[in-house]
Amino acid sequence: MADDLTFSDFTAAEKLRVAALVARMAKRGAAGPDVDLSDLKRRVERIEKQAMRRKQSK
């Protein structure tokens, strides 16, 4: 997560989406060390960027 963001900067929907993506990463990670998680990480980063833009516009 970006340094300037806190958990309260996310909307309820964003919190749920991030939690679901982290759960999917954990499930994939259990398959082994060679599993690619980059697609899920990019999705989380996109949500973080959206929250950061909203925070900066306040």
N, C-alpha and C. Protein backbone atom coordinates (compact mmCIF):
# COMPACT_ATOMS: atom_id res chain seq x y z
N MET A 1 0.85 -1.17 0.00
CA MET A 1 0.00 0.00 0.00
C MET A 1 0.90 1.24 0.00
N ALA A 2 0.43 2.27 -0.60
CA ALA A 2 1.18 3.52 -0.66
C ALA A 2 1.37 4.09 0.75
N ASP A 3 2.44 4.82 0.94
CA ASP A 3 2.79 5.32 2.26
C ASP A 3 1.78 6.31 2.83
N ASP A 4 1.16 7.11 1.98
CA ASP A 4 0.27 8.15 2.45
C ASP A 4 -1.16 7.69 2.68
N LEU A 5 -1.47 6.46 2.34
CA LEU A 5 -2.84 5.96 2.49
C LEU A 5 -3.00 5.24 3.82
N THR A 6 -4.17 5.43 4.40
CA THR A 6 -4.54 4.66 5.58
C THR A 6 -5.78 3.85 5.23
N PHE A 7 -6.12 2.92 6.09
CA PHE A 7 -7.27 2.06 5.82
C PHE A 7 -8.55 2.88 5.70
N SER A 8 -8.64 3.97 6.42
CA SER A 8 -9.85 4.79 6.38
C SER A 8 -9.98 5.59 5.09
N ASP A 9 -8.93 5.66 4.28
CA ASP A 9 -9.00 6.38 3.00
C ASP A 9 -9.73 5.59 1.93
N PHE A 10 -9.97 4.32 2.17
CA PHE A 10 -10.65 3.47 1.20
C PHE A 10 -12.15 3.46 1.48
N THR A 11 -12.94 3.33 0.43
CA THR A 11 -14.38 3.16 0.61
C THR A 11 -14.63 1.72 1.05
N ALA A 12 -15.84 1.45 1.49
CA ALA A 12 -16.18 0.10 1.93
C ALA A 12 -16.04 -0.90 0.78
N ALA A 13 -16.45 -0.50 -0.41
CA ALA A 13 -16.33 -1.38 -1.57
C ALA A 13 -14.87 -1.67 -1.90
N GLU A 14 -14.03 -0.64 -1.81
CA GLU A 14 -12.60 -0.83 -2.10
C GLU A 14 -11.97 -1.76 -1.07
N LYS A 15 -12.36 -1.61 0.18
CA LYS A 15 -11.82 -2.49 1.23
C LYS A 15 -12.19 -3.94 0.93
N LEU A 16 -13.42 -4.18 0.52
CA LEU A 16 -13.86 -5.53 0.20
C LEU A 16 -13.11 -6.08 -1.01
N ARG A 17 -12.94 -5.26 -2.02
CA ARG A 17 -12.23 -5.71 -3.22
C ARG A 17 -10.78 -6.04 -2.92
N VAL A 18 -10.12 -5.21 -2.11
CA VAL A 18 -8.73 -5.48 -1.75
C VAL A 18 -8.64 -6.76 -0.92
N ALA A 19 -9.56 -6.93 0.02
CA ALA A 19 -9.55 -8.14 0.84
C ALA A 19 -9.75 -9.39 -0.02
N ALA A 20 -10.64 -9.32 -0.99
CA ALA A 20 -10.87 -10.46 -1.87
C ALA A 20 -9.64 -10.76 -2.72
N LEU A 21 -8.99 -9.71 -3.21
CA LEU A 21 -7.80 -9.91 -4.02
C LEU A 21 -6.65 -10.49 -3.20
N VAL A 22 -6.51 -10.04 -1.96
CA VAL A 22 -5.47 -10.58 -1.08
C VAL A 22 -5.75 -12.06 -0.79
N ALA A 23 -7.01 -12.40 -0.60
CA ALA A 23 -7.37 -13.80 -0.38
C ALA A 23 -7.02 -14.64 -1.61
N ARG A 24 -7.28 -14.11 -2.79
CA ARG A 24 -6.93 -14.84 -4.02
C ARG A 24 -5.42 -14.99 -4.15
N MET A 25 -4.67 -13.95 -3.75
CA MET A 25 -3.21 -14.05 -3.78
C MET A 25 -2.72 -15.13 -2.84
N ALA A 26 -3.32 -15.20 -1.65
CA ALA A 26 -2.93 -16.21 -0.67
C ALA A 26 -3.23 -17.61 -1.20
N LYS A 27 -4.36 -17.76 -1.83
CA LYS A 27 -4.74 -19.07 -2.38
C LYS A 27 -3.77 -19.48 -3.49
N ARG A 28 -3.43 -18.54 -4.36
CA ARG A 28 -2.47 -18.84 -5.42
C ARG A 28 -1.09 -19.10 -4.83
N GLY A 29 -0.73 -18.33 -3.83
CA GLY A 29 0.59 -18.49 -3.21
C GLY A 29 0.77 -19.85 -2.56
N ALA A 30 -0.33 -20.44 -2.12
CA ALA A 30 -0.27 -21.77 -1.51
C ALA A 30 0.09 -22.82 -2.55
N ALA A 31 -0.09 -22.51 -3.82
CA ALA A 31 0.21 -23.47 -4.89
C ALA A 31 1.71 -23.63 -5.09
N GLY A 32 2.48 -22.67 -4.66
CA GLY A 32 3.92 -22.77 -4.79
C GLY A 32 4.57 -21.44 -5.08
N PRO A 33 5.90 -21.42 -5.01
CA PRO A 33 6.63 -20.15 -5.19
C PRO A 33 6.71 -19.68 -6.64
N ASP A 34 6.40 -20.54 -7.59
CA ASP A 34 6.53 -20.16 -9.00
C ASP A 34 5.26 -19.58 -9.60
N VAL A 35 4.25 -19.34 -8.78
CA VAL A 35 2.97 -18.83 -9.27
C VAL A 35 3.07 -17.33 -9.48
N ASP A 36 2.52 -16.85 -10.58
CA ASP A 36 2.56 -15.43 -10.93
C ASP A 36 1.39 -14.69 -10.26
N LEU A 37 1.70 -13.71 -9.44
CA LEU A 37 0.68 -12.91 -8.75
C LEU A 37 0.59 -11.49 -9.30
N SER A 38 1.33 -11.20 -10.36
CA SER A 38 1.43 -9.82 -10.84
C SER A 38 0.10 -9.24 -11.28
N ASP A 39 -0.79 -10.05 -11.85
CA ASP A 39 -2.08 -9.52 -12.30
C ASP A 39 -2.92 -9.06 -11.11
N LEU A 40 -2.90 -9.81 -10.03
CA LEU A 40 -3.67 -9.42 -8.85
C LEU A 40 -3.04 -8.21 -8.16
N LYS A 41 -1.72 -8.16 -8.14
CA LYS A 41 -1.03 -7.01 -7.54
C LYS A 41 -1.35 -5.72 -8.30
N ARG A 42 -1.41 -5.81 -9.63
CA ARG A 42 -1.75 -4.63 -10.44
C ARG A 42 -3.16 -4.14 -10.13
N ARG A 43 -4.08 -5.08 -9.92
CA ARG A 43 -5.46 -4.69 -9.60
C ARG A 43 -5.52 -3.97 -8.26
N VAL A 44 -4.76 -4.45 -7.27
CA VAL A 44 -4.72 -3.79 -5.96
C VAL A 44 -4.09 -2.41 -6.10
N GLU A 45 -3.02 -2.31 -6.88
CA GLU A 45 -2.37 -1.01 -7.09
C GLU A 45 -3.31 -0.01 -7.74
N ARG A 46 -4.15 -0.48 -8.66
CA ARG A 46 -5.13 0.39 -9.31
C ARG A 46 -6.13 0.93 -8.29
N ILE A 47 -6.56 0.09 -7.38
CA ILE A 47 -7.50 0.52 -6.33
C ILE A 47 -6.82 1.54 -5.42
N GLU A 48 -5.55 1.29 -5.10
CA GLU A 48 -4.80 2.24 -4.26
C GLU A 48 -4.65 3.59 -4.95
N LYS A 49 -4.37 3.58 -6.24
CA LYS A 49 -4.23 4.84 -6.99
C LYS A 49 -5.53 5.62 -6.99
N GLN A 50 -6.63 4.90 -7.14
CA GLN A 50 -7.95 5.55 -7.12
C GLN A 50 -8.21 6.20 -5.77
N ALA A 51 -7.89 5.52 -4.69
CA ALA A 51 -8.08 6.07 -3.35
C ALA A 51 -7.14 7.27 -3.13
N MET A 52 -5.92 7.17 -3.65
CA MET A 52 -4.97 8.27 -3.49
C MET A 52 -5.45 9.51 -4.25
N ARG A 53 -5.97 9.34 -5.46
CA ARG A 53 -6.49 10.48 -6.22
C ARG A 53 -7.65 11.14 -5.48
N ARG A 54 -8.53 10.31 -4.92
CA ARG A 54 -9.67 10.84 -4.20
C ARG A 54 -9.20 11.60 -2.95
N LYS A 55 -8.19 11.08 -2.25
CA LYS A 55 -7.68 11.74 -1.05
C LYS A 55 -7.03 13.08 -1.40
N GLN A 56 -6.29 13.12 -2.49
CA GLN A 56 -5.60 14.35 -2.88
C GLN A 56 -6.57 15.42 -3.39
N SER A 57 -7.72 15.01 -3.89
CA SER A 57 -8.68 15.99 -4.42
C SER A 57 -9.50 16.65 -3.31
N LYS A 58 -9.41 16.12 -2.10
CA LYS A 58 -10.16 16.71 -0.98
C LYS A 58 -9.59 18.00 -0.53
